[in-house]
Amino acid sequence: MRLTRLVGECDGGECPTIYRTDRGTLAFQGERITDHGIRVPEHEAMVEIPVELIRRTIRDKLI
């Protein structure tokens, strides 16, 4: 899978980021959360990202 960075909280490195994939989907990098009380399959994970990243992605028409 190839990722293209759309928007992030920092210029690079380890911070919340939204990526476009070459599969026509979005990938999110964020803090893994486990205390949500929802049953998540072994092959999936819940991540937390700032709402502002989604706002910026939409505002800047990145998707």
PDB file of N, CA and C in Angstrom:
ATOM      1  N   MET A   1       0.848  -1.179   0.000  1.00  0.00           N
ATOM      2  CA  MET A   1       0.000   0.000   0.000  1.00  0.00           C
ATOM      3  C   MET A   1       0.890   1.238   0.000  1.00  0.00           C
ATOM      4  N   ARG A   2       0.498   2.219  -0.786  1.00  0.00           N
ATOM      5  CA  ARG A   2       1.234   3.487  -0.820  1.00  0.00           C
ATOM      6  C   ARG A   2       0.389   4.554  -0.138  1.00  0.00           C
ATOM      7  N   LEU A   3       1.019   5.345   0.731  1.00  0.00           N
ATOM      8  CA  LEU A   3       0.334   6.409   1.459  1.00  0.00           C
ATOM      9  C   LEU A   3       0.820   7.771   0.988  1.00  0.00           C
ATOM     10  N   THR A   4      -0.126   8.708   0.860  1.00  0.00           N
ATOM     11  CA  THR A   4       0.196  10.095   0.551  1.00  0.00           C
ATOM     12  C   THR A   4      -0.314  10.940   1.706  1.00  0.00           C
ATOM     13  N   ARG A   5       0.576  11.678   2.324  1.00  0.00           N
ATOM     14  CA  ARG A   5       0.201  12.510   3.475  1.00  0.00           C
ATOM     15  C   ARG A   5      -0.709  13.642   3.014  1.00  0.00           C
ATOM     16  N   LEU A   6      -1.863  13.771   3.672  1.00  0.00           N
ATOM     17  CA  LEU A   6      -2.777  14.865   3.362  1.00  0.00           C
ATOM     18  C   LEU A   6      -2.607  16.012   4.346  1.00  0.00           C
ATOM     19  N   VAL A   7      -2.703  15.709   5.626  1.00  0.00           N
ATOM     20  CA  VAL A   7      -2.615  16.740   6.652  1.00  0.00           C
ATOM     21  C   VAL A   7      -2.177  16.094   7.960  1.00  0.00           C
ATOM     22  N   GLY A   8      -1.398  16.846   8.731  1.00  0.00           N
ATOM     23  CA  GLY A   8      -0.936  16.339  10.018  1.00  0.00           C
ATOM     24  C   GLY A   8      -0.741  17.460  11.009  1.00  0.00           C
ATOM     25  N   GLU A   9      -0.512  17.076  12.245  1.00  0.00           N
ATOM     26  CA  GLU A   9      -0.298  18.055  13.306  1.00  0.00           C
ATOM     27  C   GLU A   9       1.134  18.567  13.341  1.00  0.00           C
ATOM     28  N   CYS A  10       2.028  17.908  12.626  1.00  0.00           N
ATOM     29  CA  CYS A  10       3.417  18.363  12.570  1.00  0.00           C
ATOM     30  C   CYS A  10       3.940  18.135  11.154  1.00  0.00           C
ATOM     31  N   ASP A  11       5.127  18.626  10.880  1.00  0.00           N
ATOM     32  CA  ASP A  11       5.689  18.513   9.535  1.00  0.00           C
ATOM     33  C   ASP A  11       6.103  17.094   9.181  1.00  0.00           C
ATOM     34  N   GLY A  12       6.327  16.274  10.137  1.00  0.00           N
ATOM     35  CA  GLY A  12       6.734  14.893   9.905  1.00  0.00           C
ATOM     36  C   GLY A  12       6.930  14.207  11.234  1.00  0.00           C
ATOM     37  N   GLY A  13       7.148  12.929  11.176  1.00  0.00           N
ATOM     38  CA  GLY A  13       7.408  12.216  12.415  1.00  0.00           C
ATOM     39  C   GLY A  13       6.172  11.601  13.020  1.00  0.00           C
ATOM     40  N   GLU A  14       6.174  11.528  14.317  1.00  0.00           N
ATOM     41  CA  GLU A  14       5.139  10.798  15.036  1.00  0.00           C
ATOM     42  C   GLU A  14       4.085  11.735  15.600  1.00  0.00           C
ATOM     43  N   CYS A  15       3.071  12.010  14.796  1.00  0.00           N
ATOM     44  CA  CYS A  15       1.971  12.860  15.249  1.00  0.00           C
ATOM     45  C   CYS A  15       0.716  12.470  14.483  1.00  0.00           C
ATOM     46  N   PRO A  16      -0.465  12.850  14.971  1.00  0.00           N
ATOM     47  CA  PRO A  16      -1.693  12.526  14.256  1.00  0.00           C
ATOM     48  C   PRO A  16      -1.646  13.039  12.811  1.00  0.00           C
ATOM     49  N   THR A  17      -1.984  12.143  11.879  1.00  0.00           N
ATOM     50  CA  THR A  17      -1.892  12.461  10.456  1.00  0.00           C
ATOM     51  C   THR A  17      -2.990  11.720   9.702  1.00  0.00           C
ATOM     52  N   ILE A  18      -3.482  12.329   8.625  1.00  0.00           N
ATOM     53  CA  ILE A  18      -4.415  11.675   7.719  1.00  0.00           C
ATOM     54  C   ILE A  18      -3.697  11.458   6.390  1.00  0.00           C
ATOM     55  N   TYR A  19      -3.807  10.234   5.874  1.00  0.00           N
ATOM     56  CA  TYR A  19      -3.177   9.852   4.611  1.00  0.00           C
ATOM     57  C   TYR A  19      -4.236   9.384   3.626  1.00  0.00           C
ATOM     58  N   ARG A  20      -3.977   9.562   2.339  1.00  0.00           N
ATOM     59  CA  ARG A  20      -4.762   8.947   1.268  1.00  0.00           C
ATOM     60  C   ARG A  20      -3.985   7.710   0.840  1.00  0.00           C
ATOM     61  N   THR A  21      -4.686   6.612   0.573  1.00  0.00           N
ATOM     62  CA  THR A  21      -4.016   5.399   0.116  1.00  0.00           C
ATOM     63  C   THR A  21      -4.207   5.235  -1.385  1.00  0.00           C
ATOM     64  N   ASP A  22      -3.398   4.367  -1.967  1.00  0.00           N
ATOM     65  CA  ASP A  22      -3.557   4.070  -3.389  1.00  0.00           C
ATOM     66  C   ASP A  22      -4.702   3.085  -3.624  1.00  0.00           C
ATOM     67  N   ARG A  23      -5.430   2.747  -2.566  1.00  0.00           N
ATOM     68  CA  ARG A  23      -6.603   1.867  -2.668  1.00  0.00           C
ATOM     69  C   ARG A  23      -7.911   2.661  -2.682  1.00  0.00           C
ATOM     70  N   GLY A  24      -7.808   4.000  -2.667  1.00  0.00           N
ATOM     71  CA  GLY A  24      -8.994   4.835  -2.644  1.00  0.00           C
ATOM     72  C   GLY A  24      -9.610   4.965  -1.262  1.00  0.00           C
ATOM     73  N   THR A  25      -8.799   4.795  -0.222  1.00  0.00           N
ATOM     74  CA  THR A  25      -9.266   4.909   1.156  1.00  0.00           C
ATOM     75  C   THR A  25      -8.410   5.922   1.904  1.00  0.00           C
ATOM     76  N   LEU A  26      -8.783   6.180   3.148  1.00  0.00           N
ATOM     77  CA  LEU A  26      -7.990   7.044   4.016  1.00  0.00           C
ATOM     78  C   LEU A  26      -7.398   6.208   5.142  1.00  0.00           C
ATOM     79  N   ALA A  27      -6.210   6.580   5.594  1.00  0.00           N
ATOM     80  CA  ALA A  27      -5.560   5.944   6.736  1.00  0.00           C
ATOM     81  C   ALA A  27      -5.275   7.031   7.767  1.00  0.00           C
ATOM     82  N   PHE A  28      -5.477   6.678   9.018  1.00  0.00           N
ATOM     83  CA  PHE A  28      -5.305   7.632  10.113  1.00  0.00           C
ATOM     84  C   PHE A  28      -4.203   7.174  11.048  1.00  0.00           C
ATOM     85  N   GLN A  29      -3.308   8.082  11.358  1.00  0.00           N
ATOM     86  CA  GLN A  29      -2.277   7.826  12.364  1.00  0.00           C
ATOM     87  C   GLN A  29      -2.662   8.623  13.597  1.00  0.00           C
ATOM     88  N   GLY A  30      -2.790   7.947  14.703  1.00  0.00           N
ATOM     89  CA  GLY A  30      -3.169   8.619  15.940  1.00  0.00           C
ATOM     90  C   GLY A  30      -2.861   7.758  17.141  1.00  0.00           C
ATOM     91  N   GLU A  31      -3.223   8.245  18.271  1.00  0.00           N
ATOM     92  CA  GLU A  31      -3.011   7.534  19.525  1.00  0.00           C
ATOM     93  C   GLU A  31      -3.964   6.343  19.582  1.00  0.00           C
ATOM     94  N   ARG A  32      -3.423   5.153  19.794  1.00  0.00           N
ATOM     95  CA  ARG A  32      -4.265   3.959  19.923  1.00  0.00           C
ATOM     96  C   ARG A  32      -5.063   4.074  21.218  1.00  0.00           C
ATOM     97  N   ILE A  33      -6.361   3.833  21.133  1.00  0.00           N
ATOM     98  CA  ILE A  33      -7.187   3.878  22.336  1.00  0.00           C
ATOM     99  C   ILE A  33      -7.744   2.484  22.607  1.00  0.00           C
ATOM    100  N   THR A  34      -7.774   2.117  23.869  1.00  0.00           N
ATOM    101  CA  THR A  34      -8.234   0.783  24.246  1.00  0.00           C
ATOM    102  C   THR A  34      -9.308   0.817  25.323  1.00  0.00           C
ATOM    103  N   ASP A  35      -9.547   1.964  25.914  1.00  0.00           N
ATOM    104  CA  ASP A  35     -10.503   2.052  27.020  1.00  0.00           C
ATOM    105  C   ASP A  35     -11.875   2.544  26.559  1.00  0.00           C
ATOM    106  N   HIS A  36     -12.309   2.117  25.354  1.00  0.00           N
ATOM    107  CA  HIS A  36     -13.554   2.598  24.762  1.00  0.00           C
ATOM    108  C   HIS A  36     -14.744   1.680  25.025  1.00  0.00           C
ATOM    109  N   GLY A  37     -14.509   0.450  25.474  1.00  0.00           N
ATOM    110  CA  GLY A  37     -15.599  -0.467  25.778  1.00  0.00           C
ATOM    111  C   GLY A  37     -16.236  -1.135  24.569  1.00  0.00           C
ATOM    112  N   ILE A  38     -15.642  -0.960  23.397  1.00  0.00           N
ATOM    113  CA  ILE A  38     -16.165  -1.557  22.167  1.00  0.00           C
ATOM    114  C   ILE A  38     -15.284  -2.754  21.796  1.00  0.00           C
ATOM    115  N   ARG A  39     -15.912  -3.806  21.348  1.00  0.00           N
ATOM    116  CA  ARG A  39     -15.157  -4.990  20.934  1.00  0.00           C
ATOM    117  C   ARG A  39     -14.604  -4.765  19.523  1.00  0.00           C
ATOM    118  N   VAL A  40     -13.296  -4.763  19.391  1.00  0.00           N
ATOM    119  CA  VAL A  40     -12.632  -4.492  18.113  1.00  0.00           C
ATOM    120  C   VAL A  40     -11.912  -5.774  17.671  1.00  0.00           C
ATOM    121  N   PRO A  41     -12.118  -6.209  16.411  1.00  0.00           N
ATOM    122  CA  PRO A  41     -11.432  -7.414  15.935  1.00  0.00           C
ATOM    123  C   PRO A  41      -9.913  -7.279  16.059  1.00  0.00           C
ATOM    124  N   GLU A  42      -9.254  -8.411  16.192  1.00  0.00           N
ATOM    125  CA  GLU A  42      -7.796  -8.463  16.376  1.00  0.00           C
ATOM    126  C   GLU A  42      -7.036  -7.717  15.276  1.00  0.00           C
ATOM    127  N   HIS A  43      -7.545  -7.741  14.045  1.00  0.00           N
ATOM    128  CA  HIS A  43      -6.840  -7.128  12.912  1.00  0.00           C
ATOM    129  C   HIS A  43      -7.152  -5.632  12.749  1.00  0.00           C
ATOM    130  N   GLU A  44      -7.953  -5.051  13.653  1.00  0.00           N
ATOM    131  CA  GLU A  44      -8.293  -3.630  13.584  1.00  0.00           C
ATOM    132  C   GLU A  44      -7.857  -2.923  14.863  1.00  0.00           C
ATOM    133  N   ALA A  45      -7.841  -1.596  14.814  1.00  0.00           N
ATOM    134  CA  ALA A  45      -7.495  -0.793  15.985  1.00  0.00           C
ATOM    135  C   ALA A  45      -8.293   0.502  15.960  1.00  0.00           C
ATOM    136  N   MET A  46      -8.599   1.021  17.116  1.00  0.00           N
ATOM    137  CA  MET A  46      -9.221   2.335  17.246  1.00  0.00           C
ATOM    138  C   MET A  46      -8.094   3.332  17.485  1.00  0.00           C
ATOM    139  N   VAL A  47      -8.136   4.441  16.744  1.00  0.00           N
ATOM    140  CA  VAL A  47      -7.164   5.500  16.977  1.00  0.00           C
ATOM    141  C   VAL A  47      -7.899   6.809  17.163  1.00  0.00           C
ATOM    142  N   GLU A  48      -7.275   7.705  17.872  1.00  0.00           N
ATOM    143  CA  GLU A  48      -7.860   9.009  18.163  1.00  0.00           C
ATOM    144  C   GLU A  48      -7.059  10.077  17.432  1.00  0.00           C
ATOM    145  N   ILE A  49      -7.774  10.936  16.701  1.00  0.00           N
ATOM    146  CA  ILE A  49      -7.136  12.054  16.013  1.00  0.00           C
ATOM    147  C   ILE A  49      -7.920  13.319  16.327  1.00  0.00           C
ATOM    148  N   PRO A  50      -7.269  14.472  16.284  1.00  0.00           N
ATOM    149  CA  PRO A  50      -7.959  15.731  16.549  1.00  0.00           C
ATOM    150  C   PRO A  50      -8.999  16.054  15.467  1.00  0.00           C
ATOM    151  N   VAL A  51     -10.147  16.542  15.864  1.00  0.00           N
ATOM    152  CA  VAL A  51     -11.198  16.958  14.935  1.00  0.00           C
ATOM    153  C   VAL A  51     -10.663  18.008  13.966  1.00  0.00           C
ATOM    154  N   GLU A  52      -9.758  18.839  14.420  1.00  0.00           N
ATOM    155  CA  GLU A  52      -9.199  19.898  13.578  1.00  0.00           C
ATOM    156  C   GLU A  52      -8.531  19.331  12.322  1.00  0.00           C
ATOM    157  N   LEU A  53      -7.959  18.132  12.401  1.00  0.00           N
ATOM    158  CA  LEU A  53      -7.346  17.537  11.209  1.00  0.00           C
ATOM    159  C   LEU A  53      -8.395  17.260  10.139  1.00  0.00           C
ATOM    160  N   ILE A  54      -9.557  16.779  10.545  1.00  0.00           N
ATOM    161  CA  ILE A  54     -10.630  16.532   9.583  1.00  0.00           C
ATOM    162  C   ILE A  54     -11.132  17.853   9.015  1.00  0.00           C
ATOM    163  N   ARG A  55     -11.291  18.851   9.867  1.00  0.00           N
ATOM    164  CA  ARG A  55     -11.724  20.175   9.384  1.00  0.00           C
ATOM    165  C   ARG A  55     -10.755  20.735   8.355  1.00  0.00           C
ATOM    166  N   ARG A  56      -9.451  20.635   8.644  1.00  0.00           N
ATOM    167  CA  ARG A  56      -8.448  21.153   7.712  1.00  0.00           C
ATOM    168  C   ARG A  56      -8.451  20.378   6.402  1.00  0.00           C
ATOM    169  N   THR A  57      -8.638  19.058   6.486  1.00  0.00           N
ATOM    170  CA  THR A  57      -8.677  18.233   5.285  1.00  0.00           C
ATOM    171  C   THR A  57      -9.832  18.653   4.386  1.00  0.00           C
ATOM    172  N   ILE A  58     -10.991  18.897   4.979  1.00  0.00           N
ATOM    173  CA  ILE A  58     -12.173  19.322   4.210  1.00  0.00           C
ATOM    174  C   ILE A  58     -12.007  20.745   3.722  1.00  0.00           C
ATOM    175  N   ARG A  59     -11.587  21.641   4.611  1.00  0.00           N
ATOM    176  CA  ARG A  59     -11.422  23.062   4.249  1.00  0.00           C
ATOM    177  C   ARG A  59     -10.453  23.231   3.094  1.00  0.00           C
ATOM    178  N   ASP A  60      -9.341  22.478   3.134  1.00  0.00           N
ATOM    179  CA  ASP A  60      -8.324  22.599   2.094  1.00  0.00           C
ATOM    180  C   ASP A  60      -8.616  21.728   0.873  1.00  0.00           C
ATOM    181  N   LYS A  61      -9.805  21.073   0.878  1.00  0.00           N
ATOM    182  CA  LYS A  61     -10.253  20.233  -0.236  1.00  0.00           C
ATOM    183  C   LYS A  61      -9.215  19.192  -0.620  1.00  0.00           C
ATOM    184  N   LEU A  62      -8.686  18.506   0.401  1.00  0.00           N
ATOM    185  CA  LEU A  62      -7.668  17.490   0.179  1.00  0.00           C
ATOM    186  C   LEU A  62      -8.276  16.134  -0.158  1.00  0.00           C
ATOM    187  N   ILE A  63      -9.585  16.001   0.063  1.00  0.00           N
ATOM    188  CA  ILE A  63     -10.263  14.745  -0.313  1.00  0.00           C
ATOM    189  C   ILE A  63     -11.495  15.074  -1.129  1.00  0.00           C
TER     190      ILE A  63
END
